[in-house]
Amino acid sequence: MRKSYVNNNIKVDEFDALIKITVEMSKYLYPYIREILKSKEDIKENSIIWNDFNNRFIELIKERFNVDSMRVKKLLNQAENGEIIIKSLLILSFCISNKGYQKLKKFLYDF
């Protein structure tokens, strides 16, 4: 899905290392992730936080991913991406648990 023209497959040990880094970063970013999820629940009062996050998410996708891919188009579609974003944030928030690595790995394999 990335804008890479080289068809490199990531090795399993590299994939595991990226998951471990992501889990550690989610522990660090947990308060921010929680605030974003909370803002989505009460969109009338906290719409600024959710909108800022959503806009930044879309900017990063456009900047780093191949926007011609159907999966990427689904991420960019505001009508469809809300569920994906919330599910991703929930998984990241669950990563602070003892089984965070397994949860994130399963989520990514299923995606």
N, C-alpha and C. Protein backbone atom coordinates (compact mmCIF):
# COMPACT_ATOMS: atom_id res chain seq x y z
N MET A 1 0.82 -1.20 0.00
CA MET A 1 0.00 0.00 0.00
C MET A 1 0.87 1.26 0.00
N ARG A 2 2.16 1.13 0.27
CA ARG A 2 3.04 2.29 0.31
C ARG A 2 3.38 2.77 -1.08
N LYS A 3 3.92 3.98 -1.16
CA LYS A 3 4.32 4.57 -2.43
C LYS A 3 5.68 4.04 -2.89
N SER A 4 6.01 2.87 -2.57
CA SER A 4 7.30 2.29 -2.93
C SER A 4 7.17 1.58 -4.27
N TYR A 5 8.14 1.83 -5.14
CA TYR A 5 8.12 1.17 -6.43
C TYR A 5 8.92 -0.13 -6.41
N VAL A 6 9.60 -0.37 -5.32
CA VAL A 6 10.35 -1.61 -5.16
C VAL A 6 9.46 -2.59 -4.42
N ASN A 7 9.32 -3.77 -4.96
CA ASN A 7 8.45 -4.76 -4.36
C ASN A 7 9.23 -5.58 -3.34
N ASN A 8 9.48 -4.99 -2.19
CA ASN A 8 10.20 -5.67 -1.12
C ASN A 8 9.19 -6.21 -0.11
N ASN A 9 9.30 -7.46 0.19
CA ASN A 9 8.47 -8.04 1.23
C ASN A 9 9.20 -7.94 2.55
N ILE A 10 8.49 -7.58 3.58
CA ILE A 10 9.09 -7.45 4.89
C ILE A 10 9.28 -8.85 5.48
N LYS A 11 10.39 -9.04 6.12
CA LYS A 11 10.68 -10.33 6.76
C LYS A 11 9.89 -10.44 8.06
N VAL A 12 9.64 -11.66 8.48
CA VAL A 12 8.84 -11.90 9.67
C VAL A 12 9.48 -11.27 10.90
N ASP A 13 10.79 -11.40 11.05
CA ASP A 13 11.45 -10.82 12.22
C ASP A 13 11.41 -9.29 12.19
N GLU A 14 11.46 -8.68 11.01
CA GLU A 14 11.32 -7.23 10.89
C GLU A 14 9.90 -6.80 11.24
N PHE A 15 8.92 -7.58 10.79
CA PHE A 15 7.51 -7.31 11.11
C PHE A 15 7.29 -7.38 12.62
N ASP A 16 7.83 -8.40 13.26
CA ASP A 16 7.71 -8.53 14.72
C ASP A 16 8.38 -7.36 15.43
N ALA A 17 9.53 -6.93 14.93
CA ALA A 17 10.22 -5.80 15.55
C ALA A 17 9.39 -4.52 15.43
N LEU A 18 8.78 -4.30 14.27
CA LEU A 18 7.92 -3.13 14.09
C LEU A 18 6.71 -3.17 15.02
N ILE A 19 6.16 -4.35 15.23
CA ILE A 19 5.02 -4.49 16.15
C ILE A 19 5.47 -4.15 17.57
N LYS A 20 6.63 -4.64 17.97
CA LYS A 20 7.13 -4.35 19.32
C LYS A 20 7.37 -2.86 19.52
N ILE A 21 7.91 -2.20 18.50
CA ILE A 21 8.12 -0.75 18.59
C ILE A 21 6.78 -0.03 18.70
N THR A 22 5.82 -0.45 17.89
CA THR A 22 4.49 0.16 17.92
C THR A 22 3.83 0.00 19.28
N VAL A 23 3.96 -1.18 19.87
CA VAL A 23 3.39 -1.43 21.20
C VAL A 23 4.01 -0.51 22.23
N GLU A 24 5.32 -0.35 22.19
CA GLU A 24 6.00 0.54 23.14
C GLU A 24 5.59 1.99 22.93
N MET A 25 5.44 2.40 21.68
CA MET A 25 5.01 3.77 21.39
C MET A 25 3.56 3.99 21.83
N SER A 26 2.73 2.97 21.69
CA SER A 26 1.33 3.12 22.12
C SER A 26 1.24 3.30 23.62
N LYS A 27 2.14 2.68 24.35
CA LYS A 27 2.18 2.89 25.81
C LYS A 27 2.51 4.35 26.12
N TYR A 28 3.44 4.88 25.37
CA TYR A 28 3.85 6.28 25.55
C TYR A 28 2.74 7.25 25.15
N LEU A 29 2.01 6.91 24.06
CA LEU A 29 0.97 7.79 23.52
C LEU A 29 -0.43 7.50 24.05
N TYR A 30 -0.54 6.60 25.00
CA TYR A 30 -1.85 6.20 25.50
C TYR A 30 -2.73 7.38 25.93
N PRO A 31 -2.21 8.36 26.68
CA PRO A 31 -3.10 9.48 27.06
C PRO A 31 -3.67 10.23 25.85
N TYR A 32 -2.87 10.40 24.82
CA TYR A 32 -3.34 11.07 23.61
C TYR A 32 -4.37 10.22 22.88
N ILE A 33 -4.11 8.92 22.77
CA ILE A 33 -5.04 8.01 22.11
C ILE A 33 -6.38 8.02 22.86
N ARG A 34 -6.31 7.98 24.16
CA ARG A 34 -7.53 8.00 24.98
C ARG A 34 -8.32 9.29 24.76
N GLU A 35 -7.62 10.41 24.68
CA GLU A 35 -8.28 11.70 24.45
C GLU A 35 -8.96 11.74 23.08
N ILE A 36 -8.33 11.17 22.08
CA ILE A 36 -8.94 11.12 20.74
C ILE A 36 -10.20 10.28 20.76
N LEU A 37 -10.13 9.11 21.38
CA LEU A 37 -11.31 8.25 21.47
C LEU A 37 -12.43 8.91 22.26
N LYS A 38 -12.07 9.59 23.32
CA LYS A 38 -13.06 10.29 24.14
C LYS A 38 -13.72 11.41 23.32
N SER A 39 -12.93 12.09 22.49
CA SER A 39 -13.50 13.17 21.69
C SER A 39 -14.48 12.64 20.65
N LYS A 40 -14.25 11.43 20.18
CA LYS A 40 -15.18 10.83 19.20
C LYS A 40 -16.51 10.49 19.86
N GLU A 41 -16.47 10.10 21.13
CA GLU A 41 -17.71 9.79 21.86
C GLU A 41 -18.57 11.03 22.03
N ASP A 42 -17.93 12.15 22.33
CA ASP A 42 -18.66 13.40 22.57
C ASP A 42 -18.25 14.40 21.48
N ILE A 43 -18.68 14.13 20.27
CA ILE A 43 -18.23 14.88 19.11
C ILE A 43 -18.66 16.34 19.15
N LYS A 44 -19.77 16.65 19.80
CA LYS A 44 -20.25 18.03 19.84
C LYS A 44 -19.32 18.93 20.64
N GLU A 45 -18.82 18.43 21.76
CA GLU A 45 -17.95 19.23 22.61
C GLU A 45 -16.49 19.16 22.21
N ASN A 46 -16.05 18.03 21.73
CA ASN A 46 -14.62 17.81 21.46
C ASN A 46 -14.32 17.55 19.99
N SER A 47 -15.06 18.16 19.10
CA SER A 47 -14.88 17.87 17.68
C SER A 47 -13.51 18.33 17.17
N ILE A 48 -12.91 19.31 17.80
CA ILE A 48 -11.62 19.83 17.34
C ILE A 48 -10.55 18.75 17.41
N ILE A 49 -10.49 18.02 18.51
CA ILE A 49 -9.48 16.97 18.69
C ILE A 49 -9.66 15.88 17.64
N TRP A 50 -10.89 15.40 17.49
CA TRP A 50 -11.15 14.34 16.52
C TRP A 50 -10.86 14.82 15.10
N ASN A 51 -11.31 16.01 14.74
CA ASN A 51 -11.09 16.52 13.39
C ASN A 51 -9.61 16.73 13.10
N ASP A 52 -8.86 17.24 14.07
CA ASP A 52 -7.42 17.41 13.89
C ASP A 52 -6.75 16.07 13.65
N PHE A 53 -7.11 15.09 14.46
CA PHE A 53 -6.52 13.76 14.30
C PHE A 53 -6.89 13.16 12.95
N ASN A 54 -8.15 13.22 12.59
CA ASN A 54 -8.63 12.65 11.34
C ASN A 54 -7.96 13.33 10.14
N ASN A 55 -7.84 14.64 10.17
CA ASN A 55 -7.18 15.36 9.08
C ASN A 55 -5.71 14.98 8.98
N ARG A 56 -5.03 14.87 10.11
CA ARG A 56 -3.62 14.49 10.09
C ARG A 56 -3.45 13.06 9.59
N PHE A 57 -4.36 12.18 9.98
CA PHE A 57 -4.35 10.79 9.51
C PHE A 57 -4.44 10.75 7.99
N ILE A 58 -5.37 11.50 7.44
CA ILE A 58 -5.57 11.53 5.98
C ILE A 58 -4.36 12.13 5.28
N GLU A 59 -3.79 13.18 5.86
CA GLU A 59 -2.58 13.78 5.28
C GLU A 59 -1.44 12.77 5.20
N LEU A 60 -1.24 12.03 6.29
CA LEU A 60 -0.16 11.04 6.31
C LEU A 60 -0.40 9.92 5.31
N ILE A 61 -1.64 9.50 5.17
CA ILE A 61 -1.97 8.45 4.20
C ILE A 61 -1.66 8.95 2.79
N LYS A 62 -2.11 10.16 2.45
CA LYS A 62 -1.86 10.71 1.12
C LYS A 62 -0.36 10.89 0.85
N GLU A 63 0.36 11.26 1.88
CA GLU A 63 1.79 11.53 1.74
C GLU A 63 2.60 10.26 1.55
N ARG A 64 2.22 9.18 2.24
CA ARG A 64 3.08 8.00 2.29
C ARG A 64 2.55 6.77 1.57
N PHE A 65 1.30 6.77 1.19
CA PHE A 65 0.71 5.58 0.59
C PHE A 65 0.35 5.81 -0.86
N ASN A 66 0.16 4.72 -1.56
CA ASN A 66 -0.25 4.75 -2.96
C ASN A 66 -1.75 5.00 -3.01
N VAL A 67 -2.14 6.22 -3.37
CA VAL A 67 -3.55 6.60 -3.33
C VAL A 67 -4.38 5.94 -4.43
N ASP A 68 -3.73 5.22 -5.35
CA ASP A 68 -4.46 4.49 -6.39
C ASP A 68 -4.92 3.11 -5.92
N SER A 69 -4.40 2.66 -4.80
CA SER A 69 -4.77 1.36 -4.25
C SER A 69 -6.19 1.43 -3.68
N MET A 70 -6.95 0.37 -3.88
CA MET A 70 -8.33 0.33 -3.37
C MET A 70 -8.36 0.39 -1.84
N ARG A 71 -7.43 -0.28 -1.18
CA ARG A 71 -7.38 -0.25 0.28
C ARG A 71 -7.10 1.17 0.78
N VAL A 72 -6.22 1.86 0.10
CA VAL A 72 -5.89 3.23 0.49
C VAL A 72 -7.07 4.15 0.23
N LYS A 73 -7.75 3.95 -0.87
CA LYS A 73 -8.94 4.76 -1.16
C LYS A 73 -9.99 4.58 -0.08
N LYS A 74 -10.10 3.38 0.44
CA LYS A 74 -11.05 3.13 1.53
C LYS A 74 -10.64 3.89 2.79
N LEU A 75 -9.34 3.96 3.05
CA LEU A 75 -8.86 4.71 4.20
C LEU A 75 -9.11 6.21 4.05
N LEU A 76 -9.05 6.69 2.83
CA LEU A 76 -9.23 8.12 2.57
C LEU A 76 -10.69 8.53 2.50
N ASN A 77 -11.58 7.59 2.29
CA ASN A 77 -13.01 7.89 2.21
C ASN A 77 -13.53 8.20 3.60
N GLN A 78 -13.92 9.45 3.82
CA GLN A 78 -14.36 9.88 5.15
C GLN A 78 -15.59 9.12 5.64
N ALA A 79 -16.42 8.66 4.72
CA ALA A 79 -17.61 7.92 5.11
C ALA A 79 -17.26 6.53 5.64
N GLU A 80 -16.15 5.96 5.17
CA GLU A 80 -15.78 4.60 5.55
C GLU A 80 -14.63 4.52 6.55
N ASN A 81 -13.81 5.55 6.63
CA ASN A 81 -12.59 5.42 7.43
C ASN A 81 -12.80 5.58 8.93
N GLY A 82 -13.92 6.14 9.35
CA GLY A 82 -14.16 6.33 10.78
C GLY A 82 -14.07 5.04 11.57
N GLU A 83 -14.67 4.00 11.06
CA GLU A 83 -14.65 2.70 11.74
C GLU A 83 -13.23 2.13 11.79
N ILE A 84 -12.50 2.27 10.69
CA ILE A 84 -11.13 1.77 10.64
C ILE A 84 -10.25 2.53 11.63
N ILE A 85 -10.40 3.84 11.66
CA ILE A 85 -9.59 4.66 12.57
C ILE A 85 -9.90 4.31 14.02
N ILE A 86 -11.16 4.22 14.35
CA ILE A 86 -11.54 3.91 15.73
C ILE A 86 -11.04 2.53 16.13
N LYS A 87 -11.20 1.56 15.23
CA LYS A 87 -10.73 0.20 15.52
C LYS A 87 -9.21 0.20 15.72
N SER A 88 -8.48 0.93 14.89
CA SER A 88 -7.03 1.02 15.02
C SER A 88 -6.63 1.67 16.33
N LEU A 89 -7.31 2.74 16.68
CA LEU A 89 -7.01 3.42 17.95
C LEU A 89 -7.33 2.54 19.15
N LEU A 90 -8.43 1.81 19.07
CA LEU A 90 -8.77 0.89 20.16
C LEU A 90 -7.71 -0.19 20.32
N ILE A 91 -7.28 -0.75 19.20
CA ILE A 91 -6.23 -1.77 19.26
C ILE A 91 -4.97 -1.17 19.86
N LEU A 92 -4.59 0.04 19.44
CA LEU A 92 -3.40 0.67 20.01
C LEU A 92 -3.57 0.93 21.50
N SER A 93 -4.78 1.31 21.91
CA SER A 93 -5.00 1.55 23.34
C SER A 93 -4.95 0.24 24.14
N PHE A 94 -5.33 -0.87 23.51
CA PHE A 94 -5.24 -2.16 24.18
C PHE A 94 -3.81 -2.70 24.22
N CYS A 95 -2.93 -2.10 23.44
CA CYS A 95 -1.54 -2.55 23.38
C CYS A 95 -0.77 -2.30 24.67
N ILE A 96 -1.31 -1.51 25.56
CA ILE A 96 -0.59 -1.25 26.81
C ILE A 96 -0.72 -2.41 27.77
N SER A 97 -1.57 -3.36 27.44
CA SER A 97 -1.74 -4.52 28.30
C SER A 97 -0.57 -5.49 28.12
N ASN A 98 -0.54 -6.53 28.94
CA ASN A 98 0.51 -7.53 28.85
C ASN A 98 0.49 -8.29 27.53
N LYS A 99 -0.68 -8.42 26.93
CA LYS A 99 -0.82 -9.17 25.68
C LYS A 99 -0.95 -8.22 24.49
N GLY A 100 -0.46 -7.00 24.64
CA GLY A 100 -0.57 -6.00 23.58
C GLY A 100 0.08 -6.42 22.29
N TYR A 101 1.22 -7.07 22.38
CA TYR A 101 1.93 -7.52 21.19
C TYR A 101 1.08 -8.51 20.40
N GLN A 102 0.49 -9.49 21.09
CA GLN A 102 -0.33 -10.49 20.40
C GLN A 102 -1.58 -9.85 19.79
N LYS A 103 -2.19 -8.90 20.50
CA LYS A 103 -3.40 -8.25 19.99
C LYS A 103 -3.11 -7.47 18.71
N LEU A 104 -2.01 -6.71 18.74
CA LEU A 104 -1.68 -5.91 17.56
C LEU A 104 -1.28 -6.81 16.39
N LYS A 105 -0.55 -7.85 16.65
CA LYS A 105 -0.13 -8.78 15.59
C LYS A 105 -1.35 -9.43 14.93
N LYS A 106 -2.30 -9.87 15.73
CA LYS A 106 -3.52 -10.48 15.20
C LYS A 106 -4.31 -9.46 14.37
N PHE A 107 -4.43 -8.25 14.88
CA PHE A 107 -5.15 -7.20 14.15
C PHE A 107 -4.50 -6.94 12.79
N LEU A 108 -3.19 -6.85 12.75
CA LEU A 108 -2.50 -6.56 11.50
C LEU A 108 -2.58 -7.72 10.51
N TYR A 109 -2.53 -8.93 11.01
CA TYR A 109 -2.66 -10.09 10.12
C TYR A 109 -4.06 -10.17 9.52
N ASP A 110 -5.07 -9.76 10.30
CA ASP A 110 -6.45 -9.81 9.83
C ASP A 110 -6.78 -8.65 8.88
N PHE A 111 -6.00 -7.56 8.94
CA PHE A 111 -6.26 -6.40 8.10
C PHE A 111 -5.89 -6.73 6.69
